[in-house]
C-alpha atoms as a PDB file:
ATOM      1  CA  MET A   1     -20.663 -16.740 203.661  1.00  0.00           C
ATOM      2  CA  THR A   2     -18.000 -19.424 203.001  1.00  0.00           C
ATOM      3  CA  GLU A   3     -18.432 -20.956 199.581  1.00  0.00           C
ATOM      4  CA  LEU A   4     -18.851 -24.718 199.805  1.00  0.00           C
ATOM      5  CA  SER A   5     -16.834 -26.966 197.532  1.00  0.00           C
ATOM      6  CA  LYS A   6     -18.613 -28.182 194.402  1.00  0.00           C
ATOM      7  CA  MET A   7     -17.648 -31.154 192.256  1.00  0.00           C
ATOM      8  CA  VAL A   8     -18.526 -31.685 188.599  1.00  0.00           C
ATOM      9  CA  VAL A   9     -17.574 -34.851 186.715  1.00  0.00           C
ATOM     10  CA  LEU A  10     -16.951 -34.338 183.017  1.00  0.00           C
ATOM     11  CA  PRO A  11     -16.680 -37.436 180.785  1.00  0.00           C
ATOM     12  CA  VAL A  12     -14.420 -36.748 177.787  1.00  0.00           C
ATOM     13  CA  ASP A  13     -13.906 -38.711 174.581  1.00  0.00           C
ATOM     14  CA  GLY A  14     -11.249 -36.669 172.807  1.00  0.00           C
ATOM     15  CA  SER A  15     -13.647 -34.857 170.465  1.00  0.00           C
ATOM     16  CA  GLU A  16     -13.632 -31.090 170.010  1.00  0.00           C
ATOM     17  CA  ASN A  17     -17.336 -31.031 170.823  1.00  0.00           C
ATOM     18  CA  ALA A  18     -16.698 -32.734 174.153  1.00  0.00           C
ATOM     19  CA  LEU A  19     -14.152 -30.025 174.938  1.00  0.00           C
ATOM     20  CA  ARG A  20     -16.933 -27.436 174.592  1.00  0.00           C
ATOM     21  CA  SER A  21     -18.072 -28.627 177.987  1.00  0.00           C
ATOM     22  CA  LEU A  22     -14.888 -27.034 179.321  1.00  0.00           C
ATOM     23  CA  ASP A  23     -15.879 -23.730 177.710  1.00  0.00           C
ATOM     24  CA  TYR A  24     -19.287 -24.037 179.352  1.00  0.00           C
ATOM     25  CA  LEU A  25     -17.804 -24.472 182.821  1.00  0.00           C
ATOM     26  CA  HIS A  26     -15.608 -21.421 182.270  1.00  0.00           C
ATOM     27  CA  LEU A  27     -18.636 -19.432 181.049  1.00  0.00           C
ATOM     28  CA  LEU A  28     -20.490 -20.176 184.294  1.00  0.00           C
ATOM     29  CA  TYR A  29     -17.678 -19.965 186.811  1.00  0.00           C
ATOM     30  CA  GLY A  30     -14.894 -17.862 185.296  1.00  0.00           C
ATOM     31  CA  SER A  31     -11.472 -18.332 186.831  1.00  0.00           C
ATOM     32  CA  ARG A  32     -12.301 -17.394 190.450  1.00  0.00           C
ATOM     33  CA  HIS A  33     -14.044 -20.312 192.097  1.00  0.00           C
ATOM     34  CA  ASN A  34     -13.435 -23.443 194.148  1.00  0.00           C
ATOM     35  CA  LEU A  35     -15.046 -25.806 191.651  1.00  0.00           C
ATOM     36  CA  GLU A  36     -13.541 -29.284 191.623  1.00  0.00           C
ATOM     37  CA  VAL A  37     -13.562 -30.872 188.173  1.00  0.00           C
ATOM     38  CA  THR A  38     -12.938 -34.549 187.537  1.00  0.00           C
ATOM     39  CA  LEU A  39     -12.250 -35.436 183.903  1.00  0.00           C
ATOM     40  CA  LYS A  40     -13.256 -39.045 183.291  1.00  0.00           C
ATOM     41  CA  TYR A  41     -12.437 -41.301 180.357  1.00  0.00           C
ATOM     42  CA  VAL A  42     -14.019 -44.747 179.989  1.00  0.00           C
ATOM     43  CA  LEU A  43     -11.522 -47.074 178.325  1.00  0.00           C
ATOM     44  CA  PRO A  44     -12.998 -49.087 175.446  1.00  0.00           C
ATOM     45  CA  SER A  45     -12.916 -52.822 176.083  1.00  0.00           C
ATOM     46  CA  LEU A  46     -12.494 -55.830 173.837  1.00  0.00           C
ATOM     47  CA  PRO A  47     -15.411 -58.235 173.394  1.00  0.00           C
ATOM     48  CA  PRO A  48     -15.397 -60.783 176.259  1.00  0.00           C
ATOM     49  CA  ILE A  49     -15.035 -63.618 173.747  1.00  0.00           C
ATOM     50  CA  LEU A  50     -11.553 -62.263 172.969  1.00  0.00           C
ATOM     51  CA  ALA A  51     -10.547 -60.865 176.328  1.00  0.00           C
ATOM     52  CA  ASP A  52     -11.369 -64.122 178.152  1.00  0.00           C
ATOM     53  CA  ASP A  53      -9.958 -66.522 175.581  1.00  0.00           C
ATOM     54  CA  ARG A  54      -7.120 -68.404 177.340  1.00  0.00           C
ATOM     55  CA  SER A  55      -6.495 -70.711 174.393  1.00  0.00           C
ATOM     56  CA  MET A  56      -5.306 -68.061 171.915  1.00  0.00           C
ATOM     57  CA  LYS A  57      -1.760 -68.078 170.614  1.00  0.00           C
ATOM     58  CA  ARG A  58       0.878 -66.145 172.545  1.00  0.00           C
ATOM     59  CA  GLU A  59       1.489 -63.831 169.577  1.00  0.00           C
ATOM     60  CA  ILE A  60      -2.176 -62.840 169.415  1.00  0.00           C
ATOM     61  CA  ALA A  61      -2.323 -62.375 173.192  1.00  0.00           C
ATOM     62  CA  MET A  62       0.649 -60.016 173.011  1.00  0.00           C
ATOM     63  CA  LYS A  63      -1.033 -57.979 170.286  1.00  0.00           C
ATOM     64  CA  LEU A  64      -4.161 -57.690 172.400  1.00  0.00           C
ATOM     65  CA  LYS A  65      -2.055 -56.545 175.352  1.00  0.00           C
ATOM     66  CA  ALA A  66      -0.337 -53.966 173.133  1.00  0.00           C
ATOM     67  CA  LEU A  67      -3.753 -52.742 172.012  1.00  0.00           C
ATOM     68  CA  GLU A  68      -4.831 -52.388 175.626  1.00  0.00           C
ATOM     69  CA  ASN A  69      -1.697 -50.374 176.448  1.00  0.00           C
ATOM     70  CA  LYS A  70      -2.321 -48.149 173.430  1.00  0.00           C
ATOM     71  CA  ASN A  71      -5.832 -47.461 174.735  1.00  0.00           C
ATOM     72  CA  ILE A  72      -4.357 -46.413 178.071  1.00  0.00           C
ATOM     73  CA  ARG A  73      -1.845 -44.073 176.394  1.00  0.00           C
ATOM     74  CA  LEU A  74      -4.646 -42.548 174.307  1.00  0.00           C
ATOM     75  CA  ALA A  75      -6.717 -42.000 177.460  1.00  0.00           C
ATOM     76  CA  ASP A  76      -3.775 -40.286 179.163  1.00  0.00           C
ATOM     77  CA  LYS A  77      -3.302 -38.034 176.130  1.00  0.00           C
ATOM     78  CA  ILE A  78      -6.986 -37.074 175.958  1.00  0.00           C
ATOM     79  CA  LEU A  79      -7.223 -36.398 179.693  1.00  0.00           C
ATOM     80  CA  SER A  80      -3.970 -34.406 179.750  1.00  0.00           C
ATOM     81  CA  LYS A  81      -5.161 -32.187 176.882  1.00  0.00           C
ATOM     82  CA  ALA A  82      -8.491 -31.499 178.605  1.00  0.00           C
ATOM     83  CA  LYS A  83      -6.785 -30.685 181.920  1.00  0.00           C
ATOM     84  CA  ASP A  84      -4.302 -28.346 180.239  1.00  0.00           C
ATOM     85  CA  LEU A  85      -7.170 -26.467 178.592  1.00  0.00           C
ATOM     86  CA  LEU A  86      -8.927 -25.966 181.932  1.00  0.00           C
ATOM     87  CA  VAL A  87      -5.718 -24.792 183.615  1.00  0.00           C
ATOM     88  CA  LYS A  88      -5.146 -22.302 180.786  1.00  0.00           C
ATOM     89  CA  LYS A  89      -8.667 -20.951 181.419  1.00  0.00           C
ATOM     90  CA  GLY A  90      -7.692 -20.236 185.027  1.00  0.00           C
ATOM     91  CA  PHE A  91      -8.830 -23.391 186.825  1.00  0.00           C
ATOM     92  CA  LYS A  92      -6.507 -24.359 189.648  1.00  0.00           C
ATOM     93  CA  GLU A  93      -4.428 -27.376 188.686  1.00  0.00           C
ATOM     94  CA  ASP A  94      -4.910 -29.095 192.033  1.00  0.00           C
ATOM     95  CA  LEU A  95      -8.716 -28.858 191.625  1.00  0.00           C
ATOM     96  CA  VAL A  96      -8.694 -30.670 188.261  1.00  0.00           C
ATOM     97  CA  GLN A  97      -8.413 -34.446 188.559  1.00  0.00           C
ATOM     98  CA  THR A  98      -8.167 -37.040 185.768  1.00  0.00           C
ATOM     99  CA  VAL A  99      -9.499 -40.600 185.945  1.00  0.00           C
ATOM    100  CA  SER A 100      -9.636 -43.467 183.446  1.00  0.00           C
ATOM    101  CA  ARG A 101     -11.455 -46.732 184.065  1.00  0.00           C
ATOM    102  CA  LYS A 102     -12.150 -49.832 182.017  1.00  0.00           C
ATOM    103  CA  LYS A 103     -15.707 -50.239 180.785  1.00  0.00           C
ATOM    104  CA  ASP A 104     -17.602 -52.654 182.994  1.00  0.00           C
ATOM    105  CA  ARG A 105     -21.408 -52.673 182.725  1.00  0.00           C
ATOM    106  CA  GLY A 106     -21.659 -49.974 180.050  1.00  0.00           C
ATOM    107  CA  ILE A 107     -20.382 -46.413 179.626  1.00  0.00           C
ATOM    108  CA  ALA A 108     -23.453 -44.630 181.029  1.00  0.00           C
ATOM    109  CA  GLN A 109     -23.948 -47.058 183.914  1.00  0.00           C
ATOM    110  CA  ASP A 110     -20.238 -47.002 184.771  1.00  0.00           C
ATOM    111  CA  ILE A 111     -20.229 -43.185 184.853  1.00  0.00           C
ATOM    112  CA  CYS A 112     -23.353 -43.085 187.037  1.00  0.00           C
ATOM    113  CA  ASN A 113     -21.993 -45.661 189.477  1.00  0.00           C
ATOM    114  CA  TRP A 114     -18.725 -43.773 189.756  1.00  0.00           C
ATOM    115  CA  VAL A 115     -20.154 -40.248 190.200  1.00  0.00           C
ATOM    116  CA  GLU A 116     -22.619 -41.457 192.811  1.00  0.00           C
ATOM    117  CA  SER A 117     -19.885 -43.296 194.716  1.00  0.00           C
ATOM    118  CA  LYS A 118     -17.873 -40.051 194.749  1.00  0.00           C
ATOM    119  CA  ARG A 119     -20.921 -37.970 195.738  1.00  0.00           C
ATOM    120  CA  ALA A 120     -20.389 -35.625 192.801  1.00  0.00           C
ATOM    121  CA  ASP A 121     -22.718 -32.621 192.558  1.00  0.00           C
ATOM    122  CA  ALA A 122     -23.262 -32.946 188.793  1.00  0.00           C
ATOM    123  CA  VAL A 123     -22.127 -34.900 185.754  1.00  0.00           C
ATOM    124  CA  LEU A 124     -21.714 -32.869 182.564  1.00  0.00           C
ATOM    125  CA  MET A 125     -21.422 -34.147 179.017  1.00  0.00           C
ATOM    126  CA  THR A 126     -22.015 -33.106 175.435  1.00  0.00           C
ATOM    127  CA  THR A 127     -24.339 -34.918 173.028  1.00  0.00           C
ATOM    128  CA  ARG A 128     -22.025 -34.434 170.055  1.00  0.00           C
ATOM    129  CA  GLY A 129     -18.952 -36.427 169.116  1.00  0.00           C
ATOM    130  CA  ARG A 130     -16.384 -36.271 166.331  1.00  0.00           C
ATOM    131  CA  SER A 131     -18.725 -37.571 163.615  1.00  0.00           C
ATOM    132  CA  LYS A 132     -22.416 -38.123 162.941  1.00  0.00           C
ATOM    133  CA  LEU A 133     -22.056 -41.685 164.174  1.00  0.00           C
ATOM    134  CA  GLU A 134     -20.339 -40.541 167.375  1.00  0.00           C
ATOM    135  CA  ALA A 135     -22.909 -37.764 167.804  1.00  0.00           C
ATOM    136  CA  PHE A 136     -25.603 -40.444 167.796  1.00  0.00           C
ATOM    137  CA  PHE A 137     -23.554 -42.526 170.217  1.00  0.00           C
ATOM    138  CA  MET A 138     -22.947 -39.592 172.585  1.00  0.00           C
ATOM    139  CA  GLY A 139     -26.632 -38.749 172.457  1.00  0.00           C
ATOM    140  CA  GLU A 140     -27.453 -42.327 173.426  1.00  0.00           C
ATOM    141  CA  VAL A 141     -25.011 -42.187 176.341  1.00  0.00           C
ATOM    142  CA  ALA A 142     -26.513 -38.880 177.504  1.00  0.00           C
ATOM    143  CA  SER A 143     -30.022 -40.365 177.440  1.00  0.00           C
ATOM    144  CA  LYS A 144     -28.887 -43.420 179.385  1.00  0.00           C
ATOM    145  CA  LEU A 145     -27.105 -41.194 181.910  1.00  0.00           C
ATOM    146  CA  ILE A 146     -30.410 -39.508 182.714  1.00  0.00           C
ATOM    147  CA  GLU A 147     -32.058 -42.910 183.110  1.00  0.00           C
ATOM    148  CA  CYS A 148     -29.255 -44.379 185.237  1.00  0.00           C
ATOM    149  CA  CYS A 149     -28.373 -41.497 187.559  1.00  0.00           C
ATOM    150  CA  ARG A 150     -30.838 -41.588 190.436  1.00  0.00           C
ATOM    151  CA  VAL A 151     -28.984 -39.207 192.738  1.00  0.00           C
ATOM    152  CA  CYS A 152     -26.604 -37.003 190.764  1.00  0.00           C
ATOM    153  CA  PRO A 153     -28.062 -34.273 188.502  1.00  0.00           C
ATOM    154  CA  VAL A 154     -27.123 -34.558 184.823  1.00  0.00           C
ATOM    155  CA  TRP A 155     -26.035 -31.530 182.753  1.00  0.00           C
ATOM    156  CA  ILE A 156     -26.273 -31.979 178.983  1.00  0.00           C
ATOM    157  CA  VAL A 157     -24.552 -29.486 176.651  1.00  0.00           C
ATOM    158  CA  GLU A 158     -25.943 -29.332 173.113  1.00  0.00           C
ATOM    159  CA  GLY A 159     -23.558 -27.335 170.907  1.00  0.00           C
ATOM    160  CA  ALA A 160     -21.715 -24.135 171.813  1.00  0.00           C
ATOM    161  CA  VAL A 161     -23.250 -22.195 174.732  1.00  0.00           C
ATOM    162  CA  THR A 162     -22.521 -18.460 174.721  1.00  0.00           C
ATOM    163  CA  SER A 163     -24.826 -17.058 177.440  1.00  0.00           C
ATOM    164  CA  ASN A 164     -24.582 -17.469 181.216  1.00  0.00           C
ATOM    165  CA  ARG A 165     -28.290 -16.645 181.707  1.00  0.00           C
ATOM    166  CA  VAL A 166     -30.151 -19.436 183.528  1.00  0.00           C
ATOM    167  CA  LEU A 167     -33.864 -20.297 183.288  1.00  0.00           C
ATOM    168  CA  ILE A 168     -35.299 -22.528 186.016  1.00  0.00           C
ATOM    169  CA  ALA A 169     -38.603 -24.136 185.021  1.00  0.00           C
ATOM    170  CA  ILE A 170     -40.989 -24.192 187.992  1.00  0.00           C
ATOM    171  CA  ASP A 171     -44.192 -26.111 188.579  1.00  0.00           C
ATOM    172  CA  ASN A 172     -45.994 -26.854 191.852  1.00  0.00           C
ATOM    173  CA  SER A 173     -43.993 -29.976 192.696  1.00  0.00           C
ATOM    174  CA  GLU A 174     -41.315 -30.847 195.217  1.00  0.00           C
ATOM    175  CA  ASN A 175     -39.081 -32.016 192.378  1.00  0.00           C
ATOM    176  CA  ALA A 176     -39.109 -28.507 190.922  1.00  0.00           C
ATOM    177  CA  LEU A 177     -37.911 -27.204 194.281  1.00  0.00           C
ATOM    178  CA  ARG A 178     -35.141 -29.810 194.283  1.00  0.00           C
ATOM    179  CA  ALA A 179     -34.065 -28.393 190.930  1.00  0.00           C
ATOM    180  CA  VAL A 180     -34.021 -24.919 192.511  1.00  0.00           C
ATOM    181  CA  ASP A 181     -31.992 -26.219 195.444  1.00  0.00           C
ATOM    182  CA  HIS A 182     -29.412 -27.710 193.078  1.00  0.00           C
ATOM    183  CA  ALA A 183     -29.244 -24.569 190.943  1.00  0.00           C
ATOM    184  CA  GLY A 184     -28.880 -22.330 193.984  1.00  0.00           C
ATOM    185  CA  PHE A 185     -25.959 -24.372 195.299  1.00  0.00           C
ATOM    186  CA  MET A 186     -24.173 -24.660 191.952  1.00  0.00           C
ATOM    187  CA  LEU A 187     -24.715 -21.008 190.954  1.00  0.00           C
ATOM    188  CA  SER A 188     -23.864 -19.395 194.284  1.00  0.00           C
ATOM    189  CA  GLY A 189     -20.742 -17.314 193.932  1.00  0.00           C
ATOM    190  CA  THR A 190     -21.308 -16.774 190.196  1.00  0.00           C
ATOM    191  CA  ASP A 191     -22.734 -13.700 188.445  1.00  0.00           C
ATOM    192  CA  CYS A 192     -25.218 -15.723 186.343  1.00  0.00           C
ATOM    193  CA  PRO A 193     -28.652 -14.050 185.978  1.00  0.00           C
ATOM    194  CA  VAL A 194     -31.382 -16.497 187.073  1.00  0.00           C
ATOM    195  CA  THR A 195     -35.059 -16.467 186.059  1.00  0.00           C
ATOM    196  CA  LEU A 196     -37.710 -18.534 187.823  1.00  0.00           C
ATOM    197  CA  PHE A 197     -40.083 -19.364 184.973  1.00  0.00           C
ATOM    198  CA  HIS A 198     -43.584 -20.826 185.044  1.00  0.00           C
ATOM    199  CA  THR A 199     -45.872 -21.418 182.104  1.00  0.00           C
ATOM    200  CA  THR A 200     -49.590 -21.885 182.758  1.00  0.00           C
ATOM    201  CA  GLN A 201     -50.946 -24.526 180.444  1.00  0.00           C
ATOM    202  CA  HIS A 202     -53.888 -23.422 178.317  1.00  0.00           C
ATOM    203  CA  LEU A 203     -57.198 -24.942 179.348  1.00  0.00           C
ATOM    204  CA  ARG A 204     -57.365 -26.468 175.854  1.00  0.00           C
ATOM    205  CA  GLY A 205     -54.795 -28.941 177.158  1.00  0.00           C
ATOM    206  CA  PHE A 206     -57.529 -30.406 179.362  1.00  0.00           C
ATOM    207  CA  VAL A 207     -60.758 -30.058 177.393  1.00  0.00           C
ATOM    208  CA  PRO A 208     -61.579 -29.659 173.679  1.00  0.00           C
ATOM    209  CA  LEU A 209     -61.765 -26.180 172.192  1.00  0.00           C
ATOM    210  CA  GLU A 210     -65.391 -26.806 171.179  1.00  0.00           C
ATOM    211  CA  VAL A 211     -66.304 -27.165 174.848  1.00  0.00           C
ATOM    212  CA  LEU A 212     -64.458 -23.985 175.866  1.00  0.00           C
ATOM    213  CA  GLU A 213     -66.219 -21.917 173.206  1.00  0.00           C
ATOM    214  CA  GLU A 214     -69.433 -22.356 175.167  1.00  0.00           C
ATOM    215  CA  ALA A 215     -67.862 -21.060 178.395  1.00  0.00           C
ATOM    216  CA  PRO A 216     -65.001 -18.625 177.560  1.00  0.00           C
ATOM    217  CA  GLU A 217     -64.968 -17.282 181.121  1.00  0.00           C
ATOM    218  CA  LEU A 218     -63.513 -20.605 182.300  1.00  0.00           C
ATOM    219  CA  GLU A 219     -60.150 -19.764 180.737  1.00  0.00           C
ATOM    220  CA  GLU A 220     -59.812 -16.568 182.801  1.00  0.00           C
ATOM    221  CA  LEU A 221     -60.897 -18.416 185.946  1.00  0.00           C
ATOM    222  CA  TRP A 222     -58.322 -21.114 185.214  1.00  0.00           C
ATOM    223  CA  LYS A 223     -55.526 -18.552 184.767  1.00  0.00           C
ATOM    224  CA  SER A 224     -56.423 -16.921 188.066  1.00  0.00           C
ATOM    225  CA  LYS A 225     -56.560 -20.198 189.986  1.00  0.00           C
ATOM    226  CA  ALA A 226     -53.352 -21.499 188.402  1.00  0.00           C
ATOM    227  CA  GLY A 227     -51.550 -18.257 189.243  1.00  0.00           C
ATOM    228  CA  GLN A 228     -52.628 -18.487 192.876  1.00  0.00           C
ATOM    229  CA  GLU A 229     -51.483 -22.110 193.047  1.00  0.00           C
ATOM    230  CA  ILE A 230     -47.971 -21.471 191.695  1.00  0.00           C
ATOM    231  CA  GLU A 231     -47.295 -18.278 193.664  1.00  0.00           C
ATOM    232  CA  PRO A 232     -46.161 -20.008 196.919  1.00  0.00           C
ATOM    233  CA  TYR A 233     -43.755 -22.201 194.939  1.00  0.00           C
ATOM    234  CA  LEU A 234     -42.204 -19.216 193.182  1.00  0.00           C
ATOM    235  CA  LYS A 235     -41.853 -17.418 196.502  1.00  0.00           C
ATOM    236  CA  LYS A 236     -40.265 -20.471 198.114  1.00  0.00           C
ATOM    237  CA  ALA A 237     -37.935 -20.896 195.132  1.00  0.00           C
ATOM    238  CA  LYS A 238     -36.685 -17.327 195.407  1.00  0.00           C
ATOM    239  CA  GLU A 239     -36.104 -17.730 199.149  1.00  0.00           C
ATOM    240  CA  MET A 240     -34.074 -20.879 198.466  1.00  0.00           C
ATOM    241  CA  LEU A 241     -31.875 -19.111 195.917  1.00  0.00           C
ATOM    242  CA  LEU A 242     -31.239 -16.238 198.323  1.00  0.00           C
ATOM    243  CA  GLU A 243     -30.401 -18.623 201.161  1.00  0.00           C
ATOM    244  CA  ALA A 244     -27.968 -20.460 198.866  1.00  0.00           C
ATOM    245  CA  GLY A 245     -26.069 -17.238 198.226  1.00  0.00           C
ATOM    246  CA  VAL A 246     -27.489 -16.078 194.899  1.00  0.00           C
ATOM    247  CA  SER A 247     -27.938 -12.300 195.152  1.00  0.00           C
ATOM    248  CA  GLU A 248     -31.373 -10.709 194.799  1.00  0.00           C
ATOM    249  CA  SER A 249     -30.130  -8.600 191.874  1.00  0.00           C
ATOM    250  CA  GLN A 250     -29.496 -11.837 189.929  1.00  0.00           C
ATOM    251  CA  ILE A 251     -33.008 -13.228 190.416  1.00  0.00           C
ATOM    252  CA  SER A 252     -36.148 -12.491 188.412  1.00  0.00           C
ATOM    253  CA  THR A 253     -39.527 -14.231 188.142  1.00  0.00           C
ATOM    254  CA  LYS A 254     -41.734 -14.697 185.095  1.00  0.00           C
ATOM    255  CA  ILE A 255     -45.167 -16.287 184.707  1.00  0.00           C
ATOM    256  CA  MET A 256     -46.568 -16.607 181.213  1.00  0.00           C
ATOM    257  CA  SER A 257     -49.872 -17.783 179.838  1.00  0.00           C
ATOM    258  CA  GLY A 258     -48.688 -20.745 177.870  1.00  0.00           C
ATOM    259  CA  SER A 259     -49.764 -22.846 174.950  1.00  0.00           C
ATOM    260  CA  ARG A 260     -50.715 -26.503 175.050  1.00  0.00           C
ATOM    261  CA  SER A 261     -47.037 -27.468 175.267  1.00  0.00           C
ATOM    262  CA  ALA A 262     -44.963 -26.597 178.328  1.00  0.00           C
ATOM    263  CA  ALA A 263     -41.799 -27.749 176.548  1.00  0.00           C
ATOM    264  CA  ASN A 264     -42.413 -25.395 173.624  1.00  0.00           C
ATOM    265  CA  ASP A 265     -43.046 -22.498 176.014  1.00  0.00           C
ATOM    266  CA  ILE A 266     -39.807 -23.159 177.901  1.00  0.00           C
ATOM    267  CA  LEU A 267     -37.784 -23.432 174.694  1.00  0.00           C
ATOM    268  CA  GLU A 268     -39.368 -20.330 173.152  1.00  0.00           C
ATOM    269  CA  GLU A 269     -38.647 -18.287 176.277  1.00  0.00           C
ATOM    270  CA  ALA A 270     -35.061 -19.527 176.371  1.00  0.00           C
ATOM    271  CA  ARG A 271     -34.406 -18.791 172.684  1.00  0.00           C
ATOM    272  CA  LYS A 272     -36.127 -15.403 172.531  1.00  0.00           C
ATOM    273  CA  ASN A 273     -34.379 -14.050 175.605  1.00  0.00           C
ATOM    274  CA  GLY A 274     -30.903 -15.487 175.185  1.00  0.00           C
ATOM    275  CA  TYR A 275     -30.677 -18.102 177.919  1.00  0.00           C
ATOM    276  CA  GLY A 276     -27.750 -20.504 177.892  1.00  0.00           C
ATOM    277  CA  THR A 277     -28.989 -22.938 180.544  1.00  0.00           C
ATOM    278  CA  ILE A 278     -32.367 -24.522 181.321  1.00  0.00           C
ATOM    279  CA  VAL A 279     -32.817 -26.178 184.732  1.00  0.00           C
ATOM    280  CA  MET A 280     -35.710 -28.532 185.336  1.00  0.00           C
ATOM    281  CA  GLY A 281     -36.839 -31.509 187.370  1.00  0.00           C
ATOM    282  CA  ARG A 282     -37.624 -34.798 185.715  1.00  0.00           C
ATOM    283  CA  ARG A 283     -40.525 -35.806 187.930  1.00  0.00           C
ATOM    284  CA  GLY A 284     -43.730 -34.042 188.888  1.00  0.00           C
ATOM    285  CA  LEU A 285     -46.527 -34.473 191.399  1.00  0.00           C
ATOM    286  CA  SER A 286     -47.800 -37.966 190.639  1.00  0.00           C
ATOM    287  CA  GLY A 287     -47.420 -40.946 188.366  1.00  0.00           C
ATOM    288  CA  VAL A 288     -49.329 -39.107 185.648  1.00  0.00           C
ATOM    289  CA  ARG A 289     -47.465 -35.861 186.308  1.00  0.00           C
ATOM    290  CA  GLU A 290     -44.161 -37.759 186.342  1.00  0.00           C
ATOM    291  CA  PHE A 291     -44.909 -38.989 182.815  1.00  0.00           C
ATOM    292  CA  PHE A 292     -45.859 -35.454 181.786  1.00  0.00           C
ATOM    293  CA  MET A 293     -42.722 -33.908 183.271  1.00  0.00           C
ATOM    294  CA  GLY A 294     -40.633 -36.678 181.742  1.00  0.00           C
ATOM    295  CA  SER A 295     -42.041 -35.903 178.316  1.00  0.00           C
ATOM    296  CA  VAL A 296     -41.379 -32.170 178.843  1.00  0.00           C
ATOM    297  CA  SER A 297     -37.764 -32.680 179.869  1.00  0.00           C
ATOM    298  CA  SER A 298     -37.208 -35.121 176.994  1.00  0.00           C
ATOM    299  CA  LYS A 299     -38.581 -32.667 174.441  1.00  0.00           C
ATOM    300  CA  VAL A 300     -36.526 -29.797 175.856  1.00  0.00           C
ATOM    301  CA  LEU A 301     -33.394 -31.949 175.658  1.00  0.00           C
ATOM    302  CA  ARG A 302     -34.075 -32.897 172.040  1.00  0.00           C
ATOM    303  CA  SER A 303     -34.512 -29.272 170.954  1.00  0.00           C
ATOM    304  CA  SER A 304     -32.068 -27.273 173.107  1.00  0.00           C
ATOM    305  CA  THR A 305     -29.356 -26.635 170.507  1.00  0.00           C
ATOM    306  CA  GLY A 306     -26.854 -24.036 171.715  1.00  0.00           C
ATOM    307  CA  MET A 307     -27.926 -24.529 175.324  1.00  0.00           C
ATOM    308  CA  ALA A 308     -27.210 -26.687 178.354  1.00  0.00           C
ATOM    309  CA  THR A 309     -30.018 -28.515 180.143  1.00  0.00           C
ATOM    310  CA  TRP A 310     -29.746 -29.546 183.788  1.00  0.00           C
ATOM    311  CA  ILE A 311     -31.980 -32.489 184.701  1.00  0.00           C
ATOM    312  CA  VAL A 312     -32.472 -32.872 188.470  1.00  0.00           C
ATOM    313  CA  LEU A 313     -34.058 -36.053 189.777  1.00  0.00           C
END
């Protein structure tokens, strides 16, 4: 099977934490791949009240122009350093592109507009910057990326990732299968172990414990029915991974009887068993389920230190 080209866009800001995203790509893909990487830097812009002021003195205008040129030189330096690091890790130089653009509507929106215009397969960024203030800022940009990107999946790296094991969270929704489709495409040709994971919510998540105490057999009936309902989705998900080129030896399936929190179950499974990546959809079966899945993905993102989370829309 011929491996199709894949393109990941990686926004960089010059921080060491942002450069960890490069380590993450190398962890997943090694040096033998045809992954195209575009390193993107959004140039900071002056407030419009200054940039558009035609009445300012020539001396001030020249200083503003010099500041703009300095920003461009800094961008070139940051992008060149990031590209050199990827090349040293074995990435082919002609597959690593660098791009800098002036900020227009906002960093997150500008990135989303650009990656979707280029039909990128994923956009990857870290939530940590050079300082606590920048960490907050990067976290805000990451959150807005997930809100803005309606086509391109968003990969968020939280800290240093050291494992190439991948957990794909599955529920009985088409969005979960879209997450599988994305993971299968992006992981084909790698040696990453992949687990299809489903957690069955405890019946206490639907009715009070006091009610269940009067009919304990309902919990067992619920587990049985829920297991039957998810089985076709797990089967379909495995078939999709195999068709994408992920080998059967890489794939495993796990269903667990969960707690009242799907997010906690996913995070506990990932931490206990050394996963480096969690893949999940953002939307579920309905308006109510979409809110539920949104809250799950948000909680996983907030608590996934030392892991990457792929959010597929």
